[in-house]
């Protein structure tokens, strides 16, 4: 099982565009064995310290394999809405790992 943690940084004022992309992309994950383990939106009180700015959202997702993850990334429906992600996301810091 592959686990991915994403710290997602949104362009100012683009939250609604990002949510529109997520409304299409997240349900598609199941088709490729993907599961949304956690979707967090930390507020200022939750942010204790760090060199980087506070992320807009933190996602923890799982997939059976790297192959399934890549299939999800190439899904035709997801790609139709990718412009929304490109328009709204400033950057993503992504970590890959396994459950210990």
PDB file of N, CA and C in Angstrom:
ATOM      1  N   UNK A   1       0.851  -1.179   0.000  1.00  0.00           N
ATOM      2  CA  UNK A   1       0.000   0.000   0.000  1.00  0.00           C
ATOM      3  C   UNK A   1       0.890   1.234   0.000  1.00  0.00           C
ATOM      4  N   UNK A   2       0.576   2.159  -0.874  1.00  0.00           N
ATOM      5  CA  UNK A   2       1.304   3.417  -0.997  1.00  0.00           C
ATOM      6  C   UNK A   2       0.485   4.520  -0.325  1.00  0.00           C
ATOM      7  N   UNK A   3       1.144   5.300   0.512  1.00  0.00           N
ATOM      8  CA  UNK A   3       0.495   6.439   1.163  1.00  0.00           C
ATOM      9  C   UNK A   3       1.139   7.729   0.666  1.00  0.00           C
ATOM     10  N   UNK A   4       0.310   8.720   0.436  1.00  0.00           N
ATOM     11  CA  UNK A   4       0.784  10.017  -0.040  1.00  0.00           C
ATOM     12  C   UNK A   4       0.216  11.098   0.863  1.00  0.00           C
ATOM     13  N   UNK A   5       1.093  11.983   1.298  1.00  0.00           N
ATOM     14  CA  UNK A   5       0.687  13.164   2.052  1.00  0.00           C
ATOM     15  C   UNK A   5       0.990  14.372   1.183  1.00  0.00           C
ATOM     16  N   UNK A   6       0.000  15.241   1.037  1.00  0.00           N
ATOM     17  CA  UNK A   6       0.165  16.441   0.224  1.00  0.00           C
ATOM     18  C   UNK A   6      -0.124  17.675   1.067  1.00  0.00           C
ATOM     19  N   UNK A   7       0.815  18.607   1.068  1.00  0.00           N
ATOM     20  CA  UNK A   7       0.569  19.932   1.627  1.00  0.00           C
ATOM     21  C   UNK A   7       0.242  20.814   0.430  1.00  0.00           C
ATOM     22  N   UNK A   8      -0.971  21.324   0.388  1.00  0.00           N
ATOM     23  CA  UNK A   8      -1.471  22.020  -0.794  1.00  0.00           C
ATOM     24  C   UNK A   8      -1.584  23.512  -0.509  1.00  0.00           C
ATOM     25  N   UNK A   9      -0.908  24.291  -1.346  1.00  0.00           N
ATOM     26  CA  UNK A   9      -0.894  25.749  -1.228  1.00  0.00           C
ATOM     27  C   UNK A   9      -1.699  26.333  -2.382  1.00  0.00           C
ATOM     28  N   UNK A  10      -2.683  27.137  -2.069  1.00  0.00           N
ATOM     29  CA  UNK A  10      -3.625  27.671  -3.052  1.00  0.00           C
ATOM     30  C   UNK A  10      -3.273  29.130  -3.380  1.00  0.00           C
ATOM     31  N   UNK A  11      -3.477  29.517  -4.626  1.00  0.00           N
ATOM     32  CA  UNK A  11      -3.317  30.905  -5.028  1.00  0.00           C
ATOM     33  C   UNK A  11      -4.409  31.743  -4.345  1.00  0.00           C
ATOM     34  N   UNK A  12      -4.087  32.937  -3.923  1.00  0.00           N
ATOM     35  CA  UNK A  12      -5.091  33.785  -3.242  1.00  0.00           C
ATOM     36  C   UNK A  12      -6.357  33.954  -4.082  1.00  0.00           C
ATOM     37  N   UNK A  13      -7.498  33.756  -3.429  1.00  0.00           N
ATOM     38  CA  UNK A  13      -8.787  33.944  -4.083  1.00  0.00           C
ATOM     39  C   UNK A  13      -9.239  32.805  -4.977  1.00  0.00           C
ATOM     40  N   UNK A  14      -8.490  31.709  -5.030  1.00  0.00           N
ATOM     41  CA  UNK A  14      -8.803  30.597  -5.940  1.00  0.00           C
ATOM     42  C   UNK A  14      -9.378  29.368  -5.216  1.00  0.00           C
ATOM     43  N   UNK A  15      -9.855  29.559  -4.000  1.00  0.00           N
ATOM     44  CA  UNK A  15     -10.376  28.436  -3.216  1.00  0.00           C
ATOM     45  C   UNK A  15     -11.542  27.732  -3.913  1.00  0.00           C
ATOM     46  N   UNK A  16     -12.483  28.493  -4.452  1.00  0.00           N
ATOM     47  CA  UNK A  16     -13.650  27.887  -5.107  1.00  0.00           C
ATOM     48  C   UNK A  16     -13.247  27.076  -6.330  1.00  0.00           C
ATOM     49  N   UNK A  17     -12.274  27.553  -7.077  1.00  0.00           N
ATOM     50  CA  UNK A  17     -11.793  26.826  -8.257  1.00  0.00           C
ATOM     51  C   UNK A  17     -11.149  25.514  -7.815  1.00  0.00           C
ATOM     52  N   UNK A  18     -10.361  25.566  -6.751  1.00  0.00           N
ATOM     53  CA  UNK A  18      -9.734  24.367  -6.214  1.00  0.00           C
ATOM     54  C   UNK A  18     -10.793  23.366  -5.761  1.00  0.00           C
ATOM     55  N   UNK A  19     -11.822  23.829  -5.057  1.00  0.00           N
ATOM     56  CA  UNK A  19     -12.885  22.933  -4.595  1.00  0.00           C
ATOM     57  C   UNK A  19     -13.597  22.283  -5.773  1.00  0.00           C
ATOM     58  N   UNK A  20     -13.785  23.026  -6.852  1.00  0.00           N
ATOM     59  CA  UNK A  20     -14.430  22.458  -8.036  1.00  0.00           C
ATOM     60  C   UNK A  20     -13.589  21.309  -8.599  1.00  0.00           C
ATOM     61  N   UNK A  21     -12.274  21.502  -8.669  1.00  0.00           N
ATOM     62  CA  UNK A  21     -11.403  20.413  -9.130  1.00  0.00           C
ATOM     63  C   UNK A  21     -11.513  19.201  -8.200  1.00  0.00           C
ATOM     64  N   UNK A  22     -11.436  19.446  -6.913  1.00  0.00           N
ATOM     65  CA  UNK A  22     -11.503  18.349  -5.937  1.00  0.00           C
ATOM     66  C   UNK A  22     -12.833  17.603  -6.004  1.00  0.00           C
ATOM     67  N   UNK A  23     -13.905  18.307  -6.274  1.00  0.00           N
ATOM     68  CA  UNK A  23     -15.219  17.659  -6.389  1.00  0.00           C
ATOM     69  C   UNK A  23     -15.263  16.658  -7.536  1.00  0.00           C
ATOM     70  N   UNK A  24     -14.420  16.846  -8.530  1.00  0.00           N
ATOM     71  CA  UNK A  24     -14.335  15.896  -9.640  1.00  0.00           C
ATOM     72  C   UNK A  24     -13.276  14.821  -9.378  1.00  0.00           C
ATOM     73  N   UNK A  25     -12.126  15.226  -8.840  1.00  0.00           N
ATOM     74  CA  UNK A  25     -10.981  14.324  -8.721  1.00  0.00           C
ATOM     75  C   UNK A  25     -11.124  13.314  -7.579  1.00  0.00           C
ATOM     76  N   UNK A  26     -11.572  13.746  -6.433  1.00  0.00           N
ATOM     77  CA  UNK A  26     -11.604  12.848  -5.272  1.00  0.00           C
ATOM     78  C   UNK A  26     -12.493  11.626  -5.504  1.00  0.00           C
ATOM     79  N   UNK A  27     -13.702  11.767  -6.034  1.00  0.00           N
ATOM     80  CA  UNK A  27     -14.516  10.569  -6.271  1.00  0.00           C
ATOM     81  C   UNK A  27     -13.893   9.577  -7.270  1.00  0.00           C
ATOM     82  N   UNK A  28     -13.042  10.062  -8.171  1.00  0.00           N
ATOM     83  CA  UNK A  28     -12.403   9.188  -9.159  1.00  0.00           C
ATOM     84  C   UNK A  28     -11.349   8.260  -8.549  1.00  0.00           C
ATOM     85  N   UNK A  29     -10.821   8.622  -7.402  1.00  0.00           N
ATOM     86  CA  UNK A  29      -9.746   7.824  -6.794  1.00  0.00           C
ATOM     87  C   UNK A  29     -10.167   6.379  -6.564  1.00  0.00           C
ATOM     88  N   UNK A  30     -11.402   6.156  -6.140  1.00  0.00           N
ATOM     89  CA  UNK A  30     -11.866   4.800  -5.838  1.00  0.00           C
ATOM     90  C   UNK A  30     -11.746   3.866  -7.032  1.00  0.00           C
ATOM     91  N   UNK A  31     -11.933   4.406  -8.225  1.00  0.00           N
ATOM     92  CA  UNK A  31     -11.807   3.618  -9.458  1.00  0.00           C
ATOM     93  C   UNK A  31     -10.416   3.001  -9.572  1.00  0.00           C
ATOM     94  N   UNK A  32      -9.421   3.623  -8.919  1.00  0.00           N
ATOM     95  CA  UNK A  32      -8.022   3.189  -8.992  1.00  0.00           C
ATOM     96  C   UNK A  32      -7.489   2.748  -7.625  1.00  0.00           C
ATOM     97  N   UNK A  33      -8.362   2.256  -6.771  1.00  0.00           N
ATOM     98  CA  UNK A  33      -8.051   1.767  -5.412  1.00  0.00           C
ATOM     99  C   UNK A  33      -7.625   2.884  -4.464  1.00  0.00           C
ATOM    100  N   UNK A  34      -7.846   4.135  -4.848  1.00  0.00           N
ATOM    101  CA  UNK A  34      -7.467   5.248  -4.001  1.00  0.00           C
ATOM    102  C   UNK A  34      -8.486   5.493  -2.903  1.00  0.00           C
ATOM    103  N   UNK A  35      -7.977   5.885  -1.762  1.00  0.00           N
ATOM    104  CA  UNK A  35      -8.837   6.214  -0.618  1.00  0.00           C
ATOM    105  C   UNK A  35      -8.356   7.517   0.000  1.00  0.00           C
ATOM    106  N   UNK A  36      -9.293   8.342   0.361  1.00  0.00           N
ATOM    107  CA  UNK A  36      -8.977   9.577   1.064  1.00  0.00           C
ATOM    108  C   UNK A  36      -8.934   9.257   2.552  1.00  0.00           C
ATOM    109  N   UNK A  37      -7.728   9.146   3.093  1.00  0.00           N
ATOM    110  CA  UNK A  37      -7.548   8.797   4.505  1.00  0.00           C
ATOM    111  C   UNK A  37      -7.902   9.993   5.385  1.00  0.00           C
ATOM    112  N   UNK A  38      -7.388  11.156   5.016  1.00  0.00           N
ATOM    113  CA  UNK A  38      -7.670  12.396   5.750  1.00  0.00           C
ATOM    114  C   UNK A  38      -7.640  13.561   4.771  1.00  0.00           C
ATOM    115  N   UNK A  39      -8.518  14.516   4.986  1.00  0.00           N
ATOM    116  CA  UNK A  39      -8.497  15.792   4.273  1.00  0.00           C
ATOM    117  C   UNK A  39      -8.663  16.863   5.334  1.00  0.00           C
ATOM    118  N   UNK A  40      -7.597  17.601   5.565  1.00  0.00           N
ATOM    119  CA  UNK A  40      -7.569  18.566   6.657  1.00  0.00           C
ATOM    120  C   UNK A  40      -7.379  19.974   6.132  1.00  0.00           C
ATOM    121  N   UNK A  41      -8.020  20.909   6.784  1.00  0.00           N
ATOM    122  CA  UNK A  41      -7.850  22.323   6.462  1.00  0.00           C
ATOM    123  C   UNK A  41      -7.462  23.032   7.760  1.00  0.00           C
ATOM    124  N   UNK A  42      -6.149  23.148   8.018  1.00  0.00           N
ATOM    125  CA  UNK A  42      -5.721  23.711   9.309  1.00  0.00           C
ATOM    126  C   UNK A  42      -5.997  25.207   9.413  1.00  0.00           C
ATOM    127  N   UNK A  43      -6.513  25.603  10.571  1.00  0.00           N
ATOM    128  CA  UNK A  43      -6.706  27.029  10.812  1.00  0.00           C
ATOM    129  C   UNK A  43      -5.459  27.586  11.493  1.00  0.00           C
ATOM    130  N   UNK A  44      -5.441  28.874  11.723  1.00  0.00           N
ATOM    131  CA  UNK A  44      -4.262  29.508  12.308  1.00  0.00           C
ATOM    132  C   UNK A  44      -3.912  28.932  13.672  1.00  0.00           C
ATOM    133  N   UNK A  45      -4.904  28.557  14.472  1.00  0.00           N
ATOM    134  CA  UNK A  45      -4.645  28.015  15.803  1.00  0.00           C
ATOM    135  C   UNK A  45      -3.951  26.651  15.738  1.00  0.00           C
ATOM    136  N   UNK A  46      -4.150  25.910  14.656  1.00  0.00           N
ATOM    137  CA  UNK A  46      -3.541  24.592  14.510  1.00  0.00           C
ATOM    138  C   UNK A  46      -2.091  24.680  14.035  1.00  0.00           C
ATOM    139  N   UNK A  47      -1.684  25.818  13.536  1.00  0.00           N
ATOM    140  CA  UNK A  47      -0.350  25.988  12.967  1.00  0.00           C
ATOM    141  C   UNK A  47       0.579  26.499  14.058  1.00  0.00           C
ATOM    142  N   UNK A  48       1.455  25.628  14.539  1.00  0.00           N
ATOM    143  CA  UNK A  48       2.327  25.974  15.657  1.00  0.00           C
ATOM    144  C   UNK A  48       3.617  26.635  15.186  1.00  0.00           C
ATOM    145  N   UNK A  49       4.310  26.031  14.205  1.00  0.00           N
ATOM    146  CA  UNK A  49       5.575  26.576  13.728  1.00  0.00           C
ATOM    147  C   UNK A  49       5.925  25.950  12.387  1.00  0.00           C
ATOM    148  N   UNK A  50       6.863  26.571  11.695  1.00  0.00           N
ATOM    149  CA  UNK A  50       7.348  26.018  10.442  1.00  0.00           C
ATOM    150  C   UNK A  50       7.976  27.091   9.584  1.00  0.00           C
ATOM    151  N   UNK A  51       8.871  26.658   8.710  1.00  0.00           N
ATOM    152  CA  UNK A  51       9.554  27.591   7.814  1.00  0.00           C
ATOM    153  C   UNK A  51       8.684  27.983   6.633  1.00  0.00           C
ATOM    154  N   UNK A  52       7.780  27.126   6.250  1.00  0.00           N
ATOM    155  CA  UNK A  52       6.903  27.385   5.109  1.00  0.00           C
ATOM    156  C   UNK A  52       5.603  28.020   5.606  1.00  0.00           C
ATOM    157  N   UNK A  53       4.871  28.616   4.676  1.00  0.00           N
ATOM    158  CA  UNK A  53       3.560  29.146   5.030  1.00  0.00           C
ATOM    159  C   UNK A  53       2.609  27.994   5.338  1.00  0.00           C
ATOM    160  N   UNK A  54       1.528  28.311   5.988  1.00  0.00           N
ATOM    161  CA  UNK A  54       0.520  27.310   6.340  1.00  0.00           C
ATOM    162  C   UNK A  54      -0.156  26.823   5.059  1.00  0.00           C
ATOM    163  N   UNK A  55      -0.256  25.494   4.868  1.00  0.00           N
ATOM    164  CA  UNK A  55      -0.962  24.987   3.689  1.00  0.00           C
ATOM    165  C   UNK A  55      -2.461  25.239   3.811  1.00  0.00           C
ATOM    166  N   UNK A  56      -3.109  25.371   2.671  1.00  0.00           N
ATOM    167  CA  UNK A  56      -4.559  25.521   2.649  1.00  0.00           C
ATOM    168  C   UNK A  56      -5.219  24.213   3.073  1.00  0.00           C
ATOM    169  N   UNK A  57      -4.736  23.094   2.514  1.00  0.00           N
ATOM    170  CA  UNK A  57      -5.246  21.771   2.877  1.00  0.00           C
ATOM    171  C   UNK A  57      -4.103  20.787   2.976  1.00  0.00           C
ATOM    172  N   UNK A  58      -4.341  19.747   3.754  1.00  0.00           N
ATOM    173  CA  UNK A  58      -3.434  18.609   3.848  1.00  0.00           C
ATOM    174  C   UNK A  58      -4.249  17.371   3.495  1.00  0.00           C
ATOM    175  N   UNK A  59      -3.775  16.634   2.504  1.00  0.00           N
ATOM    176  CA  UNK A  59      -4.442  15.390   2.106  1.00  0.00           C
ATOM    177  C   UNK A  59      -3.531  14.211   2.407  1.00  0.00           C
ATOM    178  N   UNK A  60      -4.113  13.183   2.968  1.00  0.00           N
ATOM    179  CA  UNK A  60      -3.435  11.892   3.098  1.00  0.00           C
ATOM    180  C   UNK A  60      -4.292  10.899   2.332  1.00  0.00           C
ATOM    181  N   UNK A  61      -3.706  10.295   1.310  1.00  0.00           N
ATOM    182  CA  UNK A  61      -4.426   9.340   0.467  1.00  0.00           C
ATOM    183  C   UNK A  61      -3.629   8.052   0.374  1.00  0.00           C
ATOM    184  N   UNK A  62      -4.319   6.976   0.001  1.00  0.00           N
ATOM    185  CA  UNK A  62      -3.635   5.700  -0.199  1.00  0.00           C
ATOM    186  C   UNK A  62      -4.059   5.097  -1.530  1.00  0.00           C
ATOM    187  N   UNK A  63      -3.143   4.353  -2.124  1.00  0.00           N
ATOM    188  CA  UNK A  63      -3.390   3.586  -3.342  1.00  0.00           C
ATOM    189  C   UNK A  63      -2.732   2.234  -3.170  1.00  0.00           C
ATOM    190  N   UNK A  64      -3.281   1.216  -3.825  1.00  0.00           N
ATOM    191  CA  UNK A  64      -2.696  -0.134  -3.757  1.00  0.00           C
ATOM    192  C   UNK A  64      -1.262  -0.153  -4.240  1.00  0.00           C
ATOM    193  N   UNK A  65      -0.954   0.662  -5.249  1.00  0.00           N
ATOM    194  CA  UNK A  65       0.378   0.607  -5.854  1.00  0.00           C
ATOM    195  C   UNK A  65       0.683   1.912  -6.587  1.00  0.00           C
ATOM    196  N   UNK A  66       1.935   2.078  -6.936  1.00  0.00           N
ATOM    197  CA  UNK A  66       2.360   3.218  -7.745  1.00  0.00           C
ATOM    198  C   UNK A  66       1.661   3.184  -9.103  1.00  0.00           C
ATOM    199  N   UNK A  67       1.483   1.989  -9.636  1.00  0.00           N
ATOM    200  CA  UNK A  67       0.809   1.836 -10.928  1.00  0.00           C
ATOM    201  C   UNK A  67      -0.615   2.389 -10.873  1.00  0.00           C
ATOM    202  N   UNK A  68      -1.346   2.076  -9.813  1.00  0.00           N
ATOM    203  CA  UNK A  68      -2.722   2.575  -9.668  1.00  0.00           C
ATOM    204  C   UNK A  68      -2.735   4.096  -9.509  1.00  0.00           C
ATOM    205  N   UNK A  69      -1.767   4.632  -8.792  1.00  0.00           N
ATOM    206  CA  UNK A  69      -1.668   6.076  -8.640  1.00  0.00           C
ATOM    207  C   UNK A  69      -1.449   6.735 -10.002  1.00  0.00           C
ATOM    208  N   UNK A  70      -0.542   6.188 -10.801  1.00  0.00           N
ATOM    209  CA  UNK A  70      -0.270   6.755 -12.122  1.00  0.00           C
ATOM    210  C   UNK A  70      -1.485   6.645 -13.043  1.00  0.00           C
ATOM    211  N   UNK A  71      -2.240   5.547 -12.924  1.00  0.00           N
ATOM    212  CA  UNK A  71      -3.471   5.404 -13.706  1.00  0.00           C
ATOM    213  C   UNK A  71      -4.469   6.491 -13.322  1.00  0.00           C
ATOM    214  N   UNK A  72      -4.568   6.786 -12.034  1.00  0.00           N
ATOM    215  CA  UNK A  72      -5.444   7.863 -11.568  1.00  0.00           C
ATOM    216  C   UNK A  72      -4.998   9.205 -12.150  1.00  0.00           C
ATOM    217  N   UNK A  73      -3.682   9.478 -12.109  1.00  0.00           N
ATOM    218  CA  UNK A  73      -3.169  10.735 -12.646  1.00  0.00           C
ATOM    219  C   UNK A  73      -3.499  10.894 -14.133  1.00  0.00           C
ATOM    220  N   UNK A  74      -3.588   9.785 -14.872  1.00  0.00           N
ATOM    221  CA  UNK A  74      -3.835   9.827 -16.315  1.00  0.00           C
ATOM    222  C   UNK A  74      -5.302   9.628 -16.687  1.00  0.00           C
ATOM    223  N   UNK A  75      -6.186   9.536 -15.698  1.00  0.00           N
ATOM    224  CA  UNK A  75      -7.605   9.337 -15.968  1.00  0.00           C
ATOM    225  C   UNK A  75      -8.141  10.472 -16.850  1.00  0.00           C
ATOM    226  N   UNK A  76      -8.854  10.086 -17.906  1.00  0.00           N
ATOM    227  CA  UNK A  76      -9.358  11.071 -18.878  1.00  0.00           C
ATOM    228  C   UNK A  76     -10.295  12.095 -18.236  1.00  0.00           C
ATOM    229  N   UNK A  77     -11.166  11.661 -17.356  1.00  0.00           N
ATOM    230  CA  UNK A  77     -12.088  12.586 -16.693  1.00  0.00           C
ATOM    231  C   UNK A  77     -11.310  13.570 -15.824  1.00  0.00           C
ATOM    232  N   UNK A  78     -10.340  13.059 -15.059  1.00  0.00           N
ATOM    233  CA  UNK A  78      -9.513  13.934 -14.222  1.00  0.00           C
ATOM    234  C   UNK A  78      -8.782  14.955 -15.081  1.00  0.00           C
ATOM    235  N   UNK A  79      -8.240  14.517 -16.209  1.00  0.00           N
ATOM    236  CA  UNK A  79      -7.485  15.420 -17.078  1.00  0.00           C
ATOM    237  C   UNK A  79      -8.365  16.522 -17.670  1.00  0.00           C
ATOM    238  N   UNK A  80      -9.658  16.239 -17.843  1.00  0.00           N
ATOM    239  CA  UNK A  80     -10.586  17.254 -18.355  1.00  0.00           C
ATOM    240  C   UNK A  80     -10.726  18.433 -17.390  1.00  0.00           C
ATOM    241  N   UNK A  81     -10.508  18.162 -16.101  1.00  0.00           N
ATOM    242  CA  UNK A  81     -10.673  19.193 -15.079  1.00  0.00           C
ATOM    243  C   UNK A  81      -9.340  19.673 -14.506  1.00  0.00           C
ATOM    244  N   UNK A  82      -8.237  19.159 -15.022  1.00  0.00           N
ATOM    245  CA  UNK A  82      -6.908  19.509 -14.492  1.00  0.00           C
ATOM    246  C   UNK A  82      -6.613  21.003 -14.608  1.00  0.00           C
ATOM    247  N   UNK A  83      -7.196  21.661 -15.611  1.00  0.00           N
ATOM    248  CA  UNK A  83      -6.976  23.102 -15.749  1.00  0.00           C
ATOM    249  C   UNK A  83      -7.436  23.863 -14.505  1.00  0.00           C
ATOM    250  N   UNK A  84      -8.440  23.329 -13.798  1.00  0.00           N
ATOM    251  CA  UNK A  84      -8.901  23.956 -12.558  1.00  0.00           C
ATOM    252  C   UNK A  84      -7.823  23.872 -11.479  1.00  0.00           C
ATOM    253  N   UNK A  85      -7.171  22.720 -11.419  1.00  0.00           N
ATOM    254  CA  UNK A  85      -6.064  22.553 -10.465  1.00  0.00           C
ATOM    255  C   UNK A  85      -4.921  23.490 -10.837  1.00  0.00           C
ATOM    256  N   UNK A  86      -4.565  23.505 -12.113  1.00  0.00           N
ATOM    257  CA  UNK A  86      -3.463  24.351 -12.563  1.00  0.00           C
ATOM    258  C   UNK A  86      -3.746  25.828 -12.290  1.00  0.00           C
ATOM    259  N   UNK A  87      -5.003  26.222 -12.403  1.00  0.00           N
ATOM    260  CA  UNK A  87      -5.391  27.612 -12.186  1.00  0.00           C
ATOM    261  C   UNK A  87      -5.405  27.999 -10.707  1.00  0.00           C
ATOM    262  N   UNK A  88      -5.645  27.038  -9.833  1.00  0.00           N
ATOM    263  CA  UNK A  88      -5.872  27.362  -8.423  1.00  0.00           C
ATOM    264  C   UNK A  88      -4.726  27.006  -7.480  1.00  0.00           C
ATOM    265  N   UNK A  89      -3.884  26.067  -7.845  1.00  0.00           N
ATOM    266  CA  UNK A  89      -2.843  25.592  -6.932  1.00  0.00           C
ATOM    267  C   UNK A  89      -1.532  26.325  -7.195  1.00  0.00           C
ATOM    268  N   UNK A  90      -1.009  26.918  -6.138  1.00  0.00           N
ATOM    269  CA  UNK A  90       0.290  27.588  -6.211  1.00  0.00           C
ATOM    270  C   UNK A  90       1.403  26.544  -6.209  1.00  0.00           C
ATOM    271  N   UNK A  91       1.335  25.584  -5.263  1.00  0.00           N
ATOM    272  CA  UNK A  91       2.316  24.507  -5.195  1.00  0.00           C
ATOM    273  C   UNK A  91       1.791  23.393  -4.286  1.00  0.00           C
ATOM    274  N   UNK A  92       2.412  22.228  -4.433  1.00  0.00           N
ATOM    275  CA  UNK A  92       2.095  21.073  -3.590  1.00  0.00           C
ATOM    276  C   UNK A  92       3.402  20.454  -3.148  1.00  0.00           C
ATOM    277  N   UNK A  93       3.517  20.189  -1.865  1.00  0.00           N
ATOM    278  CA  UNK A  93       4.648  19.455  -1.319  1.00  0.00           C
ATOM    279  C   UNK A  93       4.124  18.050  -1.035  1.00  0.00           C
ATOM    280  N   UNK A  94       4.669  17.045  -1.742  1.00  0.00           N
ATOM    281  CA  UNK A  94       4.130  15.696  -1.662  1.00  0.00           C
ATOM    282  C   UNK A  94       5.173  14.735  -1.099  1.00  0.00           C
ATOM    283  N   UNK A  95       4.703  13.897  -0.170  1.00  0.00           N
ATOM    284  CA  UNK A  95       5.535  12.872   0.449  1.00  0.00           C
ATOM    285  C   UNK A  95       4.922  11.518   0.150  1.00  0.00           C
ATOM    286  N   UNK A  96       5.746  10.531  -0.193  1.00  0.00           N
ATOM    287  CA  UNK A  96       5.284   9.161  -0.435  1.00  0.00           C
ATOM    288  C   UNK A  96       5.872   8.272   0.647  1.00  0.00           C
ATOM    289  N   UNK A  97       5.073   7.338   1.110  1.00  0.00           N
ATOM    290  CA  UNK A  97       5.565   6.442   2.149  1.00  0.00           C
ATOM    291  C   UNK A  97       4.684   5.238   2.318  1.00  0.00           C
ATOM    292  N   UNK A  98       4.912   4.539   3.404  1.00  0.00           N
ATOM    293  CA  UNK A  98       4.118   3.344   3.713  1.00  0.00           C
ATOM    294  C   UNK A  98       3.745   3.363   5.179  1.00  0.00           C
ATOM    295  N   UNK A  99       2.702   2.649   5.510  1.00  0.00           N
ATOM    296  CA  UNK A  99       2.235   2.573   6.892  1.00  0.00           C
ATOM    297  C   UNK A  99       3.213   1.732   7.689  1.00  0.00           C
ATOM    298  N   UNK A 100       3.561   2.214   8.875  1.00  0.00           N
ATOM    299  CA  UNK A 100       4.518   1.482   9.718  1.00  0.00           C
ATOM    300  C   UNK A 100       3.870   1.064  11.007  1.00  0.00           C
TER     301      UNK A 100
END
